[in-house]
Amino acid sequence: MGKSTTAGFFAALGVPVNDADAVVHALYRGEAAAPVEAAFPGVTADGVVDRAKLAQVLAGDPAGFKRLEAIVHPLVRAREAAFLTEHRALGTPLVVLDIPLLFETGAQDRVDRIVVVTCSPEIQRARVLQRPGMTEEKFALILARQVPDAVKREGADYIIDTGLGLEAARAAVAAIVKECADA
């Protein structure tokens, strides 16, 4: 959809961003590696979760997502809480929590406003299939685990359509930051 690019636009305007995907990557290289290995033997190498191996295991065991989430989500939440605590102490007026599965995890109840980044299904498919190692099967698995885009839009305070181009998305982000600063 362009979520990471859009989060980058917020960061470029000086808004601190807590990127849950980046947090997960860090956790897979650190404190989550051992518990993930215990739950899914053979998915780590040199103490680091091999995401390709983990994805392969999960593709054959969809119920494994719940076990993985039970390990990773509390750790991600702890990092998010530390981020928020730090920025409250600093008096930061606006922060962004970049949460890929916001609605799927019930995280919408933890935020003040929701920005949904969207684009047409055709653009989304083309973008996702350009990712290294992505296949139609993996893409279908991802979509099956997500709340439909139309439902996300209904829950949004702001919608950024990245299908309209980078400059339109950048302008939408600037408008959101201005509105929040004026509030």
N, C-alpha and C. Protein backbone atom coordinates (compact mmCIF):
# COMPACT_ATOMS: atom_id res chain seq x y z
N MET A 1 0.81 -1.21 0.00
CA MET A 1 0.00 0.00 0.00
C MET A 1 0.85 1.27 0.00
N GLY A 2 2.09 1.17 0.49
CA GLY A 2 2.95 2.34 0.58
C GLY A 2 3.08 2.86 2.00
N LYS A 3 2.80 2.00 2.97
CA LYS A 3 2.81 2.39 4.38
C LYS A 3 4.18 2.87 4.83
N SER A 4 5.21 2.15 4.48
CA SER A 4 6.56 2.53 4.92
C SER A 4 7.00 3.85 4.30
N THR A 5 6.69 4.03 3.03
CA THR A 5 7.03 5.29 2.35
C THR A 5 6.30 6.45 3.03
N THR A 6 5.04 6.24 3.34
CA THR A 6 4.25 7.28 3.99
C THR A 6 4.79 7.58 5.39
N ALA A 7 5.18 6.54 6.12
CA ALA A 7 5.77 6.76 7.44
C ALA A 7 7.05 7.59 7.30
N GLY A 8 7.79 7.35 6.23
CA GLY A 8 8.99 8.14 5.96
C GLY A 8 8.68 9.61 5.74
N PHE A 9 7.53 9.90 5.15
CA PHE A 9 7.13 11.30 4.96
C PHE A 9 6.89 11.98 6.31
N PHE A 10 6.26 11.24 7.25
CA PHE A 10 6.07 11.79 8.59
C PHE A 10 7.43 12.05 9.24
N ALA A 11 8.33 11.08 9.15
CA ALA A 11 9.66 11.23 9.74
C ALA A 11 10.41 12.41 9.14
N ALA A 12 10.27 12.61 7.82
CA ALA A 12 10.95 13.72 7.16
C ALA A 12 10.46 15.07 7.66
N LEU A 13 9.24 15.09 8.21
CA LEU A 13 8.69 16.33 8.78
C LEU A 13 9.01 16.45 10.28
N GLY A 14 9.86 15.55 10.77
CA GLY A 14 10.28 15.61 12.16
C GLY A 14 9.40 14.87 13.13
N VAL A 15 8.46 14.09 12.64
CA VAL A 15 7.57 13.33 13.51
C VAL A 15 8.23 11.98 13.81
N PRO A 16 8.48 11.69 15.09
CA PRO A 16 9.08 10.39 15.43
C PRO A 16 8.14 9.25 15.04
N VAL A 17 8.71 8.20 14.46
CA VAL A 17 7.93 7.06 14.00
C VAL A 17 8.44 5.80 14.68
N ASN A 18 7.54 5.05 15.28
CA ASN A 18 7.85 3.73 15.82
C ASN A 18 7.36 2.72 14.80
N ASP A 19 8.29 2.10 14.11
CA ASP A 19 7.99 1.16 13.03
C ASP A 19 7.94 -0.26 13.59
N ALA A 20 6.74 -0.82 13.71
CA ALA A 20 6.59 -2.15 14.30
C ALA A 20 7.32 -3.21 13.49
N ASP A 21 7.38 -3.07 12.16
CA ASP A 21 8.13 -4.04 11.34
C ASP A 21 9.61 -4.01 11.70
N ALA A 22 10.16 -2.81 11.85
CA ALA A 22 11.58 -2.68 12.21
C ALA A 22 11.83 -3.25 13.61
N VAL A 23 10.88 -3.06 14.50
CA VAL A 23 10.99 -3.61 15.85
C VAL A 23 11.03 -5.13 15.77
N VAL A 24 10.15 -5.73 14.97
CA VAL A 24 10.13 -7.18 14.82
C VAL A 24 11.46 -7.67 14.26
N HIS A 25 11.99 -6.99 13.25
CA HIS A 25 13.29 -7.37 12.69
C HIS A 25 14.36 -7.37 13.78
N ALA A 26 14.38 -6.33 14.61
CA ALA A 26 15.35 -6.25 15.70
C ALA A 26 15.14 -7.37 16.71
N LEU A 27 13.89 -7.65 17.03
CA LEU A 27 13.59 -8.72 17.99
C LEU A 27 14.03 -10.08 17.45
N TYR A 28 13.88 -10.28 16.14
CA TYR A 28 14.31 -11.55 15.54
C TYR A 28 15.82 -11.73 15.59
N ARG A 29 16.55 -10.63 15.75
CA ARG A 29 18.00 -10.70 15.90
C ARG A 29 18.40 -10.70 17.38
N GLY A 30 17.40 -10.61 18.25
CA GLY A 30 17.69 -10.50 19.68
C GLY A 30 16.79 -11.36 20.53
N GLU A 31 16.03 -10.69 21.40
CA GLU A 31 15.31 -11.41 22.45
C GLU A 31 14.20 -12.34 21.98
N ALA A 32 13.71 -12.21 20.77
CA ALA A 32 12.65 -13.12 20.30
C ALA A 32 13.22 -14.38 19.66
N ALA A 33 14.50 -14.38 19.32
CA ALA A 33 15.06 -15.50 18.56
C ALA A 33 14.92 -16.84 19.31
N ALA A 34 15.32 -16.88 20.57
CA ALA A 34 15.26 -18.14 21.31
C ALA A 34 13.82 -18.65 21.48
N PRO A 35 12.88 -17.80 21.91
CA PRO A 35 11.52 -18.34 22.04
C PRO A 35 10.89 -18.74 20.69
N VAL A 36 11.23 -18.03 19.62
CA VAL A 36 10.71 -18.42 18.30
C VAL A 36 11.31 -19.76 17.90
N GLU A 37 12.59 -19.94 18.13
CA GLU A 37 13.24 -21.23 17.81
C GLU A 37 12.61 -22.36 18.62
N ALA A 38 12.30 -22.10 19.89
CA ALA A 38 11.68 -23.12 20.72
C ALA A 38 10.30 -23.51 20.19
N ALA A 39 9.57 -22.54 19.68
CA ALA A 39 8.22 -22.81 19.16
C ALA A 39 8.25 -23.40 17.75
N PHE A 40 9.29 -23.04 16.98
CA PHE A 40 9.40 -23.47 15.59
C PHE A 40 10.83 -23.94 15.33
N PRO A 41 11.16 -25.13 15.80
CA PRO A 41 12.55 -25.61 15.70
C PRO A 41 13.08 -25.57 14.26
N GLY A 42 14.31 -25.07 14.15
CA GLY A 42 14.98 -25.03 12.86
C GLY A 42 14.83 -23.74 12.09
N VAL A 43 14.20 -22.71 12.69
CA VAL A 43 13.99 -21.46 11.95
C VAL A 43 15.02 -20.38 12.28
N THR A 44 16.01 -20.72 13.11
CA THR A 44 17.06 -19.74 13.39
C THR A 44 18.40 -20.25 12.88
N ALA A 45 19.28 -19.31 12.62
CA ALA A 45 20.67 -19.61 12.27
C ALA A 45 21.53 -18.60 13.01
N ASP A 46 22.50 -19.09 13.75
CA ASP A 46 23.40 -18.22 14.52
C ASP A 46 22.63 -17.28 15.45
N GLY A 47 21.55 -17.79 16.03
CA GLY A 47 20.79 -17.00 16.99
C GLY A 47 19.89 -15.94 16.40
N VAL A 48 19.67 -16.00 15.09
CA VAL A 48 18.83 -15.02 14.40
C VAL A 48 17.71 -15.77 13.68
N VAL A 49 16.49 -15.27 13.78
CA VAL A 49 15.37 -15.89 13.08
C VAL A 49 15.56 -15.69 11.58
N ASP A 50 15.51 -16.78 10.85
CA ASP A 50 15.56 -16.75 9.39
C ASP A 50 14.12 -16.59 8.93
N ARG A 51 13.78 -15.40 8.47
CA ARG A 51 12.39 -15.09 8.11
C ARG A 51 11.87 -15.98 6.99
N ALA A 52 12.72 -16.35 6.07
CA ALA A 52 12.30 -17.23 4.96
C ALA A 52 11.93 -18.61 5.50
N LYS A 53 12.77 -19.14 6.40
CA LYS A 53 12.45 -20.44 6.99
C LYS A 53 11.17 -20.38 7.81
N LEU A 54 11.04 -19.29 8.58
CA LEU A 54 9.84 -19.13 9.40
C LEU A 54 8.60 -19.04 8.52
N ALA A 55 8.69 -18.27 7.43
CA ALA A 55 7.56 -18.15 6.51
C ALA A 55 7.19 -19.50 5.91
N GLN A 56 8.20 -20.29 5.59
CA GLN A 56 7.95 -21.61 5.02
C GLN A 56 7.23 -22.51 6.03
N VAL A 57 7.65 -22.47 7.28
CA VAL A 57 6.99 -23.25 8.33
C VAL A 57 5.55 -22.79 8.51
N LEU A 58 5.35 -21.46 8.55
CA LEU A 58 4.01 -20.93 8.76
C LEU A 58 3.08 -21.21 7.58
N ALA A 59 3.63 -21.27 6.38
CA ALA A 59 2.80 -21.57 5.21
C ALA A 59 2.18 -22.96 5.33
N GLY A 60 2.90 -23.87 5.98
CA GLY A 60 2.38 -25.22 6.18
C GLY A 60 1.64 -25.39 7.48
N ASP A 61 1.60 -24.36 8.31
CA ASP A 61 0.98 -24.43 9.63
C ASP A 61 0.34 -23.09 9.98
N PRO A 62 -0.80 -22.77 9.32
CA PRO A 62 -1.44 -21.47 9.57
C PRO A 62 -1.75 -21.21 11.05
N ALA A 63 -1.99 -22.25 11.82
CA ALA A 63 -2.25 -22.07 13.25
C ALA A 63 -1.00 -21.57 13.97
N GLY A 64 0.15 -21.75 13.35
CA GLY A 64 1.39 -21.28 13.94
C GLY A 64 1.46 -19.78 14.10
N PHE A 65 0.70 -19.05 13.31
CA PHE A 65 0.68 -17.59 13.44
C PHE A 65 0.29 -17.17 14.84
N LYS A 66 -0.68 -17.85 15.44
CA LYS A 66 -1.13 -17.51 16.79
C LYS A 66 0.00 -17.73 17.79
N ARG A 67 0.75 -18.84 17.64
CA ARG A 67 1.88 -19.09 18.54
C ARG A 67 2.96 -18.02 18.37
N LEU A 68 3.23 -17.67 17.12
CA LEU A 68 4.24 -16.65 16.85
C LEU A 68 3.81 -15.30 17.43
N GLU A 69 2.57 -14.94 17.20
CA GLU A 69 2.06 -13.67 17.72
C GLU A 69 2.11 -13.62 19.24
N ALA A 70 1.85 -14.76 19.89
CA ALA A 70 1.90 -14.80 21.36
C ALA A 70 3.31 -14.53 21.87
N ILE A 71 4.30 -14.85 21.08
CA ILE A 71 5.69 -14.58 21.45
C ILE A 71 6.06 -13.14 21.12
N VAL A 72 5.78 -12.73 19.90
CA VAL A 72 6.31 -11.47 19.38
C VAL A 72 5.50 -10.25 19.80
N HIS A 73 4.18 -10.33 19.77
CA HIS A 73 3.36 -9.14 20.04
C HIS A 73 3.62 -8.50 21.41
N PRO A 74 3.76 -9.28 22.50
CA PRO A 74 4.06 -8.61 23.77
C PRO A 74 5.40 -7.88 23.75
N LEU A 75 6.38 -8.42 23.04
CA LEU A 75 7.68 -7.77 22.95
C LEU A 75 7.58 -6.48 22.14
N VAL A 76 6.81 -6.52 21.06
CA VAL A 76 6.59 -5.32 20.24
C VAL A 76 5.86 -4.26 21.05
N ARG A 77 4.86 -4.68 21.79
CA ARG A 77 4.10 -3.74 22.63
C ARG A 77 4.99 -3.08 23.67
N ALA A 78 5.92 -3.85 24.25
CA ALA A 78 6.83 -3.29 25.24
C ALA A 78 7.72 -2.23 24.61
N ARG A 79 8.20 -2.47 23.41
CA ARG A 79 9.04 -1.47 22.72
C ARG A 79 8.20 -0.23 22.38
N GLU A 80 6.96 -0.46 21.97
CA GLU A 80 6.06 0.66 21.66
C GLU A 80 5.83 1.50 22.92
N ALA A 81 5.58 0.83 24.04
CA ALA A 81 5.35 1.55 25.30
C ALA A 81 6.57 2.37 25.69
N ALA A 82 7.75 1.82 25.50
CA ALA A 82 8.98 2.56 25.82
C ALA A 82 9.13 3.78 24.92
N PHE A 83 8.80 3.62 23.64
CA PHE A 83 8.84 4.73 22.67
C PHE A 83 7.89 5.84 23.13
N LEU A 84 6.66 5.47 23.48
CA LEU A 84 5.68 6.46 23.91
C LEU A 84 6.10 7.14 25.22
N THR A 85 6.62 6.37 26.15
CA THR A 85 7.07 6.93 27.42
C THR A 85 8.18 7.95 27.18
N GLU A 86 9.13 7.59 26.32
CA GLU A 86 10.24 8.50 26.01
C GLU A 86 9.73 9.81 25.42
N HIS A 87 8.80 9.72 24.46
CA HIS A 87 8.34 10.93 23.79
C HIS A 87 7.38 11.75 24.65
N ARG A 88 6.65 11.11 25.54
CA ARG A 88 5.85 11.88 26.50
C ARG A 88 6.78 12.69 27.41
N ALA A 89 7.85 12.06 27.88
CA ALA A 89 8.81 12.73 28.75
C ALA A 89 9.49 13.90 28.04
N LEU A 90 9.71 13.76 26.75
CA LEU A 90 10.33 14.81 25.97
C LEU A 90 9.34 15.92 25.58
N GLY A 91 8.04 15.63 25.77
CA GLY A 91 7.02 16.60 25.38
C GLY A 91 6.78 16.64 23.87
N THR A 92 7.10 15.55 23.20
CA THR A 92 6.91 15.48 21.76
C THR A 92 5.41 15.60 21.46
N PRO A 93 5.02 16.56 20.62
CA PRO A 93 3.59 16.80 20.40
C PRO A 93 2.89 15.76 19.53
N LEU A 94 3.64 15.07 18.67
CA LEU A 94 3.02 14.13 17.74
C LEU A 94 3.99 13.01 17.45
N VAL A 95 3.51 11.78 17.52
CA VAL A 95 4.30 10.62 17.12
C VAL A 95 3.43 9.74 16.23
N VAL A 96 4.09 8.88 15.48
CA VAL A 96 3.38 7.92 14.63
C VAL A 96 3.76 6.51 15.07
N LEU A 97 2.75 5.69 15.26
CA LEU A 97 2.95 4.27 15.48
C LEU A 97 2.63 3.58 14.16
N ASP A 98 3.65 3.09 13.49
CA ASP A 98 3.48 2.40 12.21
C ASP A 98 3.22 0.94 12.53
N ILE A 99 1.93 0.56 12.53
CA ILE A 99 1.50 -0.77 12.95
C ILE A 99 0.83 -1.47 11.76
N PRO A 100 1.52 -2.42 11.14
CA PRO A 100 0.95 -3.09 9.96
C PRO A 100 -0.39 -3.79 10.22
N LEU A 101 -0.55 -4.41 11.36
CA LEU A 101 -1.79 -5.14 11.65
C LEU A 101 -2.60 -4.41 12.72
N LEU A 102 -2.79 -3.13 12.52
CA LEU A 102 -3.48 -2.29 13.50
C LEU A 102 -4.85 -2.86 13.87
N PHE A 103 -5.69 -3.05 12.87
CA PHE A 103 -7.05 -3.51 13.14
C PHE A 103 -7.07 -4.99 13.53
N GLU A 104 -6.19 -5.77 12.94
CA GLU A 104 -6.15 -7.21 13.19
C GLU A 104 -5.76 -7.53 14.63
N THR A 105 -4.98 -6.64 15.25
CA THR A 105 -4.53 -6.87 16.63
C THR A 105 -5.30 -6.05 17.66
N GLY A 106 -6.28 -5.29 17.22
CA GLY A 106 -7.04 -4.46 18.14
C GLY A 106 -6.30 -3.21 18.58
N ALA A 107 -5.21 -2.88 17.92
CA ALA A 107 -4.38 -1.74 18.31
C ALA A 107 -5.07 -0.40 18.05
N GLN A 108 -6.13 -0.39 17.27
CA GLN A 108 -6.82 0.88 16.99
C GLN A 108 -7.35 1.51 18.28
N ASP A 109 -7.53 0.71 19.31
CA ASP A 109 -8.02 1.24 20.58
C ASP A 109 -6.93 1.92 21.40
N ARG A 110 -5.67 1.79 20.96
CA ARG A 110 -4.55 2.37 21.70
C ARG A 110 -4.06 3.69 21.10
N VAL A 111 -4.68 4.15 20.04
CA VAL A 111 -4.19 5.36 19.37
C VAL A 111 -5.26 6.44 19.37
N ASP A 112 -4.81 7.69 19.19
CA ASP A 112 -5.73 8.82 19.18
C ASP A 112 -6.38 9.02 17.83
N ARG A 113 -5.60 8.80 16.77
CA ARG A 113 -6.10 8.97 15.41
C ARG A 113 -5.53 7.87 14.53
N ILE A 114 -6.27 7.54 13.49
CA ILE A 114 -5.85 6.46 12.59
C ILE A 114 -5.69 7.00 11.18
N VAL A 115 -4.51 6.74 10.63
CA VAL A 115 -4.22 7.05 9.23
C VAL A 115 -4.16 5.72 8.50
N VAL A 116 -5.00 5.54 7.51
CA VAL A 116 -4.96 4.34 6.69
C VAL A 116 -4.31 4.70 5.35
N VAL A 117 -3.28 3.94 5.02
CA VAL A 117 -2.59 4.11 3.75
C VAL A 117 -3.15 3.05 2.81
N THR A 118 -3.59 3.48 1.65
CA THR A 118 -4.31 2.58 0.75
C THR A 118 -3.92 2.84 -0.69
N CYS A 119 -4.34 1.96 -1.55
CA CYS A 119 -4.22 2.11 -3.00
C CYS A 119 -5.15 1.07 -3.62
N SER A 120 -5.27 1.08 -4.91
CA SER A 120 -6.15 0.12 -5.57
C SER A 120 -5.59 -1.30 -5.39
N PRO A 121 -6.44 -2.30 -5.42
CA PRO A 121 -5.96 -3.68 -5.32
C PRO A 121 -4.93 -4.03 -6.40
N GLU A 122 -5.08 -3.46 -7.57
CA GLU A 122 -4.14 -3.75 -8.66
C GLU A 122 -2.75 -3.20 -8.35
N ILE A 123 -2.71 -1.99 -7.83
CA ILE A 123 -1.42 -1.39 -7.48
C ILE A 123 -0.80 -2.16 -6.30
N GLN A 124 -1.63 -2.48 -5.31
CA GLN A 124 -1.14 -3.23 -4.16
C GLN A 124 -0.51 -4.55 -4.62
N ARG A 125 -1.21 -5.28 -5.45
CA ARG A 125 -0.72 -6.58 -5.93
C ARG A 125 0.61 -6.42 -6.66
N ALA A 126 0.67 -5.44 -7.56
CA ALA A 126 1.90 -5.22 -8.32
C ALA A 126 3.06 -4.87 -7.40
N ARG A 127 2.83 -4.02 -6.41
CA ARG A 127 3.90 -3.63 -5.47
C ARG A 127 4.37 -4.82 -4.65
N VAL A 128 3.42 -5.56 -4.11
CA VAL A 128 3.78 -6.68 -3.24
C VAL A 128 4.53 -7.75 -4.02
N LEU A 129 4.10 -8.04 -5.22
CA LEU A 129 4.75 -9.09 -5.99
C LEU A 129 6.15 -8.69 -6.47
N GLN A 130 6.50 -7.41 -6.35
CA GLN A 130 7.86 -6.97 -6.70
C GLN A 130 8.84 -7.24 -5.56
N ARG A 131 8.36 -7.53 -4.37
CA ARG A 131 9.24 -7.77 -3.23
C ARG A 131 10.05 -9.05 -3.46
N PRO A 132 11.30 -9.06 -3.03
CA PRO A 132 12.11 -10.27 -3.19
C PRO A 132 11.48 -11.47 -2.48
N GLY A 133 11.40 -12.57 -3.17
CA GLY A 133 10.88 -13.80 -2.58
C GLY A 133 9.37 -13.88 -2.49
N MET A 134 8.67 -12.86 -2.94
CA MET A 134 7.21 -12.87 -2.85
C MET A 134 6.63 -13.70 -3.97
N THR A 135 5.60 -14.46 -3.63
CA THR A 135 4.89 -15.28 -4.61
C THR A 135 3.40 -15.00 -4.50
N GLU A 136 2.67 -15.46 -5.47
CA GLU A 136 1.20 -15.34 -5.42
C GLU A 136 0.65 -16.02 -4.17
N GLU A 137 1.23 -17.18 -3.81
CA GLU A 137 0.76 -17.92 -2.65
C GLU A 137 1.00 -17.13 -1.36
N LYS A 138 2.19 -16.54 -1.22
CA LYS A 138 2.49 -15.75 -0.03
C LYS A 138 1.58 -14.53 0.04
N PHE A 139 1.36 -13.91 -1.11
CA PHE A 139 0.49 -12.74 -1.16
C PHE A 139 -0.93 -13.12 -0.73
N ALA A 140 -1.43 -14.25 -1.19
CA ALA A 140 -2.76 -14.72 -0.81
C ALA A 140 -2.83 -14.97 0.69
N LEU A 141 -1.76 -15.53 1.25
CA LEU A 141 -1.71 -15.79 2.68
C LEU A 141 -1.75 -14.48 3.47
N ILE A 142 -1.02 -13.49 3.00
CA ILE A 142 -1.02 -12.17 3.65
C ILE A 142 -2.42 -11.56 3.62
N LEU A 143 -3.04 -11.57 2.46
CA LEU A 143 -4.38 -10.98 2.34
C LEU A 143 -5.41 -11.70 3.21
N ALA A 144 -5.27 -13.01 3.31
CA ALA A 144 -6.22 -13.80 4.09
C ALA A 144 -6.18 -13.45 5.57
N ARG A 145 -5.04 -12.95 6.04
CA ARG A 145 -4.87 -12.60 7.45
C ARG A 145 -5.22 -11.15 7.75
N GLN A 146 -5.54 -10.36 6.73
CA GLN A 146 -5.78 -8.94 6.93
C GLN A 146 -7.26 -8.58 6.89
N VAL A 147 -7.59 -7.55 7.65
CA VAL A 147 -8.92 -6.95 7.57
C VAL A 147 -9.02 -6.32 6.17
N PRO A 148 -10.15 -6.47 5.50
CA PRO A 148 -10.29 -5.86 4.16
C PRO A 148 -10.06 -4.35 4.18
N ASP A 149 -9.47 -3.87 3.09
CA ASP A 149 -9.13 -2.45 2.99
C ASP A 149 -10.36 -1.56 3.21
N ALA A 150 -11.50 -1.95 2.70
CA ALA A 150 -12.71 -1.13 2.86
C ALA A 150 -13.07 -0.96 4.33
N VAL A 151 -12.87 -1.99 5.12
CA VAL A 151 -13.16 -1.92 6.56
C VAL A 151 -12.15 -1.00 7.24
N LYS A 152 -10.89 -1.09 6.83
CA LYS A 152 -9.86 -0.20 7.39
C LYS A 152 -10.20 1.26 7.09
N ARG A 153 -10.63 1.51 5.87
CA ARG A 153 -10.98 2.89 5.49
C ARG A 153 -12.11 3.42 6.37
N GLU A 154 -13.09 2.55 6.67
CA GLU A 154 -14.21 2.97 7.52
C GLU A 154 -13.74 3.37 8.91
N GLY A 155 -12.67 2.73 9.39
CA GLY A 155 -12.16 3.01 10.72
C GLY A 155 -11.14 4.13 10.77
N ALA A 156 -10.87 4.75 9.64
CA ALA A 156 -9.81 5.76 9.55
C ALA A 156 -10.30 7.15 9.88
N ASP A 157 -9.41 7.92 10.49
CA ASP A 157 -9.62 9.36 10.63
C ASP A 157 -9.09 10.07 9.39
N TYR A 158 -8.04 9.50 8.79
CA TYR A 158 -7.41 10.04 7.59
C TYR A 158 -7.11 8.88 6.64
N ILE A 159 -7.28 9.14 5.36
CA ILE A 159 -6.95 8.15 4.33
C ILE A 159 -5.95 8.77 3.37
N ILE A 160 -4.85 8.07 3.16
CA ILE A 160 -3.85 8.50 2.20
C ILE A 160 -3.81 7.48 1.09
N ASP A 161 -4.20 7.89 -0.11
CA ASP A 161 -4.21 7.01 -1.27
C ASP A 161 -2.89 7.17 -2.01
N THR A 162 -1.99 6.21 -1.82
CA THR A 162 -0.68 6.28 -2.44
C THR A 162 -0.73 5.97 -3.93
N GLY A 163 -1.86 5.51 -4.40
CA GLY A 163 -2.03 5.29 -5.83
C GLY A 163 -2.09 6.59 -6.61
N LEU A 164 -2.26 7.70 -5.90
CA LEU A 164 -2.32 9.01 -6.54
C LEU A 164 -0.92 9.60 -6.76
N GLY A 165 0.10 8.89 -6.28
CA GLY A 165 1.48 9.33 -6.48
C GLY A 165 2.14 9.81 -5.21
N LEU A 166 3.46 9.89 -5.26
CA LEU A 166 4.24 10.27 -4.08
C LEU A 166 3.97 11.69 -3.62
N GLU A 167 3.86 12.61 -4.56
CA GLU A 167 3.65 14.01 -4.15
C GLU A 167 2.29 14.20 -3.49
N ALA A 168 1.28 13.51 -3.98
CA ALA A 168 -0.04 13.60 -3.35
C ALA A 168 0.00 13.01 -1.93
N ALA A 169 0.72 11.90 -1.78
CA ALA A 169 0.85 11.29 -0.45
C ALA A 169 1.63 12.20 0.49
N ARG A 170 2.71 12.80 -0.02
CA ARG A 170 3.52 13.72 0.80
C ARG A 170 2.67 14.92 1.24
N ALA A 171 1.86 15.44 0.34
CA ALA A 171 0.99 16.58 0.67
C ALA A 171 -0.06 16.18 1.70
N ALA A 172 -0.59 14.99 1.57
CA ALA A 172 -1.59 14.51 2.54
C ALA A 172 -0.97 14.39 3.93
N VAL A 173 0.25 13.88 3.99
CA VAL A 173 0.95 13.76 5.27
C VAL A 173 1.17 15.16 5.87
N ALA A 174 1.62 16.08 5.06
CA ALA A 174 1.87 17.45 5.54
C ALA A 174 0.57 18.06 6.09
N ALA A 175 -0.54 17.82 5.41
CA ALA A 175 -1.83 18.35 5.88
C ALA A 175 -2.23 17.73 7.21
N ILE A 176 -1.98 16.44 7.38
CA ILE A 176 -2.31 15.77 8.64
C ILE A 176 -1.45 16.33 9.77
N VAL A 177 -0.16 16.48 9.51
CA VAL A 177 0.74 17.02 10.54
C VAL A 177 0.31 18.43 10.93
N LYS A 178 -0.03 19.24 9.96
CA LYS A 178 -0.47 20.61 10.24
C LYS A 178 -1.75 20.59 11.08
N GLU A 179 -2.71 19.78 10.66
CA GLU A 179 -3.98 19.72 11.40
C GLU A 179 -3.76 19.26 12.84
N CYS A 180 -2.90 18.27 13.03
CA CYS A 180 -2.64 17.78 14.38
C CYS A 180 -1.89 18.81 15.22
N ALA A 181 -0.99 19.54 14.58
CA ALA A 181 -0.24 20.59 15.28
C ALA A 181 -1.16 21.74 15.69
N ASP A 182 -2.18 22.00 14.90
CA ASP A 182 -3.12 23.09 15.18
C ASP A 182 -4.19 22.69 16.18
N ALA A 183 -4.30 21.39 16.44
CA ALA A 183 -5.37 20.90 17.33
C ALA A 183 -5.07 21.16 18.79
